[in-house]
Amino acid sequence: MGSDTGELDYVGAEAGKGASADGVGGPGLEPITKKQHERAKNFYNSVYTSAAARALYSDNVGLEKGAGPWQDFYKPKPMHMYWFPSRHYVRPEGTYYDQLLEKYKKDQCIECHEEVTPGIVHDWRDSTHADPKKNNFFAVRTRQIEELIERDLDKVGCNECHGEDHDELHMPTPDICGNCHPKQVNEYLDEMEYGRPNHVDTFTANVVPPWYPEAARQGYLTSMFGCDYCHGTTEKCDICHTRHKFTAKEGRRPEACMSCHMGFDHPDAESYGESKMG
């Protein structure tokens, strides 16, 4: 196939040859187009199609102001920087954090986190990120990603998702995940074609109504936490398959959906539980 047929618009075609879903041969993997890759890496431009919209919802303002049309009427709580990281994430500060940076070099993420957050390290060691070529099924898919990003991946370490510089750490948002997983991010973005409700628009659905400024005015902004965790799906792939294992099978289990799709305003889990399927 020559370049005039569009071969140069694809990546991962060679890696997929002869691989099937069970990794034992058969048809190749579906190629990833450069257009898909660029769309995934520019996730927020697809969700918020104007600079004015991005200024309201995805441009980082730290914890100095909120989001949406009421952004100047409340200041988010520190937990918001983890639920809505593109908008609110700020670098950790404090004496203990500075001491850790002195004790560990920037390439000693695992050693540092074994001390401060050992559960995260334990989950990561059990994940495919820690050993992306552990069997043929994953090795084939990892080769496709390697061709996509034009380098080898013997493991997916902390720096792949959080950056190399402690002064500019970031949380993994869909644009970052999309560098390696563009097919999944494109499928996610495609939800918007079918209108609301969808997972992509959950952040705007949370901050456009005047709930935040009113809760802040009355002094109980933390009451919004019950909404915030689930409405962070705009920004967080790990809502459905949680960090730091990120297993696809977890995201397919009913329990993954039920943790958000429940309660008096959308009792989907309760309805499922009362059904013959549940």
Protein backbone atom coordinates (compact mmCIF):
# COMPACT_ATOMS: atom_id res chain seq x y z
CA MET A 1 0.00 0.00 0.00
CA GLY A 2 1.55 3.31 -1.04
CA SER A 3 1.39 6.66 0.66
CA ASP A 4 -1.15 7.88 -1.89
CA THR A 5 -3.68 5.51 -0.32
CA GLY A 6 -3.38 7.19 3.06
CA GLU A 7 -0.95 4.78 4.74
CA LEU A 8 1.01 7.69 6.19
CA ASP A 9 -2.13 8.84 7.97
CA TYR A 10 -2.06 5.73 10.14
CA VAL A 11 0.08 4.52 13.00
CA GLY A 12 0.21 1.14 14.63
CA ALA A 13 -0.68 -0.83 11.51
CA GLU A 14 2.47 -2.95 11.60
CA ALA A 15 2.10 -3.76 15.30
CA GLY A 16 -1.39 -5.06 14.76
CA LYS A 17 -0.66 -7.48 11.95
CA GLY A 18 -1.54 -11.03 12.85
CA ALA A 19 -2.85 -10.16 16.32
CA SER A 20 -6.33 -10.95 17.53
CA ALA A 21 -8.17 -10.07 20.71
CA ASP A 22 -6.69 -13.06 22.49
CA GLY A 23 -3.20 -12.39 21.18
CA VAL A 24 -2.86 -15.66 19.26
CA GLY A 25 -3.15 -14.52 15.68
CA GLY A 26 -5.95 -13.45 13.40
CA PRO A 27 -6.89 -10.04 12.06
CA GLY A 28 -4.78 -7.02 12.96
CA LEU A 29 -5.55 -4.24 15.41
CA GLU A 30 -7.58 -1.33 14.17
CA PRO A 31 -5.06 1.34 13.12
CA ILE A 32 -5.03 4.69 14.89
CA THR A 33 -5.19 7.71 12.62
CA LYS A 34 -3.14 10.83 13.17
CA LYS A 35 -6.40 12.76 13.24
CA GLN A 36 -7.60 10.65 16.16
CA HIS A 37 -4.31 11.19 17.96
CA GLU A 38 -4.41 14.96 17.53
CA ARG A 39 -8.05 15.14 18.57
CA ALA A 40 -7.31 13.21 21.76
CA LYS A 41 -4.30 15.36 22.64
CA ASN A 42 -6.44 18.47 22.09
CA PHE A 43 -9.30 17.11 24.18
CA TYR A 44 -10.31 20.44 25.72
CA ASN A 45 -10.50 22.16 22.34
CA SER A 46 -13.11 19.58 21.36
CA VAL A 47 -15.10 19.92 24.58
CA TYR A 48 -14.86 23.72 24.81
CA THR A 49 -14.67 24.95 21.25
CA SER A 50 -13.89 28.63 21.93
CA ALA A 51 -11.23 30.44 23.92
CA ALA A 52 -13.99 32.09 25.95
CA ALA A 53 -15.41 28.71 26.96
CA ARG A 54 -11.98 27.36 27.88
CA ALA A 55 -11.39 30.47 30.00
CA LEU A 56 -14.48 29.51 32.00
CA TYR A 57 -13.98 25.77 32.34
CA SER A 58 -10.54 24.35 31.54
CA ASP A 59 -7.89 27.09 31.79
CA ASN A 60 -6.03 26.61 35.05
CA VAL A 61 -6.79 29.19 37.73
CA GLY A 62 -5.68 27.15 40.72
CA LEU A 63 -7.78 27.70 43.82
CA GLU A 64 -8.16 31.45 43.33
CA LYS A 65 -11.54 31.33 41.61
CA GLY A 66 -14.21 28.87 40.59
CA ALA A 67 -15.46 27.76 37.19
CA GLY A 68 -18.30 28.59 34.85
CA PRO A 69 -20.44 31.73 34.87
CA TRP A 70 -20.23 31.98 38.68
CA GLN A 71 -16.44 31.65 38.85
CA ASP A 72 -15.96 34.95 40.68
CA PHE A 73 -18.54 34.16 43.36
CA TYR A 74 -16.75 31.30 45.11
CA LYS A 75 -13.30 29.84 45.70
CA PRO A 76 -12.94 26.07 45.37
CA LYS A 77 -11.82 23.82 48.19
CA PRO A 78 -8.44 22.01 47.98
CA MET A 79 -10.13 18.71 47.04
CA HIS A 80 -11.37 20.35 43.85
CA MET A 81 -7.87 20.35 42.44
CA TYR A 82 -8.03 16.54 42.25
CA TRP A 83 -11.58 16.32 40.92
CA PHE A 84 -11.18 19.11 38.33
CA PRO A 85 -7.40 19.20 37.79
CA SER A 86 -7.17 21.10 34.51
CA ARG A 87 -9.02 23.98 36.15
CA HIS A 88 -7.87 23.86 39.76
CA TYR A 89 -4.72 21.79 40.25
CA VAL A 90 -1.84 23.48 42.07
CA ARG A 91 1.57 22.15 43.01
CA PRO A 92 1.79 20.74 46.56
CA GLU A 93 3.50 22.98 49.08
CA GLY A 94 4.76 22.63 52.62
CA THR A 95 7.80 21.71 54.66
CA TYR A 96 7.25 17.95 54.40
CA TYR A 97 6.97 18.13 50.61
CA ASP A 98 10.16 20.19 50.37
CA GLN A 99 11.97 17.70 52.61
CA LEU A 100 10.95 14.84 50.33
CA LEU A 101 12.28 16.70 47.30
CA GLU A 102 15.61 17.08 49.07
CA LYS A 103 15.69 13.43 50.10
CA TYR A 104 14.73 11.89 46.75
CA LYS A 105 15.91 12.70 43.24
CA LYS A 106 13.39 13.33 40.48
CA ASP A 107 13.90 9.84 39.05
CA GLN A 108 13.10 8.22 42.42
CA CYS A 109 9.32 8.55 42.25
CA ILE A 110 8.73 4.94 43.31
CA GLU A 111 11.12 5.10 46.27
CA CYS A 112 9.53 8.34 47.49
CA HIS A 113 5.96 7.12 47.14
CA GLU A 114 6.77 3.82 48.81
CA GLU A 115 7.36 6.00 51.87
CA VAL A 116 4.44 8.43 51.60
CA THR A 117 1.73 6.57 49.62
CA PRO A 118 2.61 2.85 49.57
CA GLY A 119 -0.90 1.86 48.46
CA ILE A 120 -0.47 3.76 45.21
CA VAL A 121 2.80 1.97 44.50
CA HIS A 122 1.25 -1.41 45.32
CA ASP A 123 -1.58 -0.80 42.85
CA TRP A 124 0.82 0.43 40.18
CA ARG A 125 3.02 -2.66 40.53
CA ASP A 126 -0.08 -4.79 39.89
CA SER A 127 -1.06 -2.74 36.84
CA THR A 128 -0.31 -3.23 33.17
CA HIS A 129 1.44 0.15 33.25
CA ALA A 130 4.19 -1.44 35.36
CA ASP A 131 4.69 -4.23 32.81
CA PRO A 132 3.03 -3.27 29.51
CA LYS A 133 4.46 -6.28 27.65
CA LYS A 134 3.63 -8.91 30.25
CA ASN A 135 1.89 -11.13 27.69
CA ASN A 136 1.28 -11.17 23.96
CA PHE A 137 -2.14 -9.55 24.25
CA PHE A 138 -0.68 -6.43 25.85
CA ALA A 139 2.65 -6.57 24.01
CA VAL A 140 0.88 -6.18 20.65
CA ARG A 141 -1.05 -3.16 21.90
CA THR A 142 2.03 -1.66 23.50
CA ARG A 143 3.92 -1.94 20.21
CA GLN A 144 1.13 0.02 18.57
CA ILE A 145 1.46 2.74 21.22
CA GLU A 146 5.25 2.76 20.83
CA GLU A 147 4.85 3.37 17.12
CA LEU A 148 2.36 6.11 17.90
CA ILE A 149 4.60 8.02 20.35
CA GLU A 150 7.84 7.00 18.58
CA ARG A 151 9.70 5.56 21.56
CA ASP A 152 9.92 2.37 23.61
CA LEU A 153 7.73 1.71 26.64
CA ASP A 154 9.21 -0.88 28.96
CA LYS A 155 7.05 0.58 31.71
CA VAL A 156 4.66 3.49 32.13
CA GLY A 157 6.09 5.33 35.11
CA CYS A 158 4.96 8.34 37.10
CA ASN A 159 6.54 10.83 34.70
CA GLU A 160 4.43 9.62 31.77
CA CYS A 161 1.26 10.86 33.46
CA HIS A 162 2.48 13.54 35.88
CA GLY A 163 5.42 15.13 34.07
CA GLU A 164 9.14 15.31 34.73
CA ASP A 165 9.32 18.53 36.74
CA HIS A 166 8.22 18.68 40.38
CA ASP A 167 7.63 22.41 39.98
CA GLU A 168 5.12 21.76 37.19
CA LEU A 169 3.42 18.54 38.22
CA HIS A 170 0.03 17.84 36.72
CA MET A 171 -2.72 15.30 37.11
CA PRO A 172 -3.49 12.97 34.18
CA THR A 173 -6.43 14.47 32.31
CA PRO A 174 -7.92 12.98 29.11
CA ASP A 175 -5.59 14.98 26.86
CA ILE A 176 -2.63 13.34 28.60
CA CYS A 177 -4.18 9.87 28.61
CA GLY A 178 -5.03 10.40 24.94
CA ASN A 179 -1.38 10.53 23.95
CA CYS A 180 -1.25 6.75 24.41
CA HIS A 181 -4.97 5.93 24.33
CA PRO A 182 -6.43 8.08 21.53
CA LYS A 183 -8.99 5.49 20.44
CA GLN A 184 -10.58 5.44 23.89
CA VAL A 185 -10.55 9.23 24.24
CA ASN A 186 -12.12 9.64 20.80
CA GLU A 187 -14.87 7.19 21.71
CA TYR A 188 -15.43 9.21 24.87
CA LEU A 189 -15.64 12.50 22.96
CA ASP A 190 -18.09 10.94 20.50
CA GLU A 191 -20.68 10.79 23.30
CA MET A 192 -21.31 14.49 22.70
CA GLU A 193 -22.75 13.72 19.26
CA TYR A 194 -25.81 12.21 20.93
CA GLY A 195 -26.60 15.19 23.15
CA ARG A 196 -27.09 15.28 26.88
CA PRO A 197 -26.82 13.61 29.27
CA ASN A 198 -23.31 12.40 28.54
CA HIS A 199 -20.14 11.92 30.56
CA VAL A 200 -18.17 14.63 28.77
CA ASP A 201 -20.47 17.51 29.73
CA THR A 202 -20.74 16.64 33.42
CA PHE A 203 -18.47 19.46 34.61
CA THR A 204 -20.48 22.19 32.91
CA ALA A 205 -23.69 20.59 34.20
CA ASN A 206 -22.24 20.91 37.69
CA VAL A 207 -21.06 24.53 37.63
CA VAL A 208 -23.54 26.32 35.36
CA PRO A 209 -26.46 26.20 37.85
CA PRO A 210 -25.91 28.60 40.80
CA TRP A 211 -25.40 25.85 43.38
CA TYR A 212 -21.74 26.65 44.09
CA PRO A 213 -22.11 30.37 44.82
CA GLU A 214 -25.18 29.75 46.96
CA ALA A 215 -23.48 26.97 48.94
CA ALA A 216 -20.43 29.20 49.38
CA ARG A 217 -22.62 32.12 50.49
CA GLN A 218 -24.19 29.96 53.16
CA GLY A 219 -20.81 28.62 54.27
CA TYR A 220 -21.10 24.97 53.29
CA LEU A 221 -19.36 24.63 49.94
CA THR A 222 -18.18 21.18 51.04
CA SER A 223 -21.78 20.02 50.61
CA MET A 224 -21.05 20.03 46.88
CA PHE A 225 -18.51 17.22 47.30
CA GLY A 226 -21.29 14.68 46.86
CA CYS A 227 -21.78 15.99 43.31
CA ASP A 228 -18.17 16.83 42.55
CA TYR A 229 -16.66 13.35 42.57
CA CYS A 230 -18.94 12.03 39.84
CA HIS A 231 -19.15 15.23 37.83
CA GLY A 232 -15.38 15.06 37.46
CA THR A 233 -15.82 12.56 34.63
CA THR A 234 -15.13 15.39 32.18
CA GLU A 235 -11.58 15.51 33.48
CA LYS A 236 -10.77 12.09 34.89
CA CYS A 237 -10.60 8.74 33.13
CA ASP A 238 -10.01 7.13 36.54
CA ILE A 239 -13.58 7.76 37.64
CA CYS A 240 -14.49 4.44 35.99
CA HIS A 241 -11.23 2.47 36.22
CA THR A 242 -9.54 3.78 39.30
CA ARG A 243 -5.92 4.65 39.89
CA HIS A 244 -3.37 3.27 40.02
CA LYS A 245 -4.38 -0.03 38.45
CA PHE A 246 -6.54 1.48 35.69
CA THR A 247 -7.97 -1.92 34.77
CA ALA A 248 -10.45 -1.89 31.91
CA LYS A 249 -12.36 -4.77 33.49
CA GLU A 250 -13.10 -2.63 36.56
CA GLY A 251 -14.74 -0.02 34.36
CA ARG A 252 -17.00 -2.68 32.85
CA ARG A 253 -18.37 -3.88 36.19
CA PRO A 254 -21.79 -2.61 37.33
CA GLU A 255 -20.25 -1.42 40.59
CA ALA A 256 -18.16 1.12 38.69
CA CYS A 257 -21.32 2.70 37.29
CA MET A 258 -23.33 2.34 40.49
CA SER A 259 -20.95 4.48 42.54
CA CYS A 260 -22.22 7.53 40.60
CA HIS A 261 -25.52 6.49 39.05
CA MET A 262 -27.42 6.30 42.31
CA GLY A 263 -29.39 8.49 44.69
CA PHE A 264 -32.76 10.18 44.66
CA ASP A 265 -32.07 12.35 41.61
CA HIS A 266 -30.92 9.46 39.37
CA PRO A 267 -31.68 6.11 41.07
CA ASP A 268 -30.22 3.93 38.31
CA ALA A 269 -28.31 1.64 40.68
CA GLU A 270 -31.38 1.13 42.83
CA SER A 271 -33.48 0.28 39.78
CA TYR A 272 -30.80 -2.13 38.55
CA GLY A 273 -30.59 -3.78 41.96
CA GLU A 274 -34.33 -4.41 41.99
CA SER A 275 -34.31 -5.81 38.46
CA LYS A 276 -33.81 -9.43 37.44
CA MET A 277 -30.40 -8.48 36.00
CA GLY A 278 -29.27 -6.98 39.30
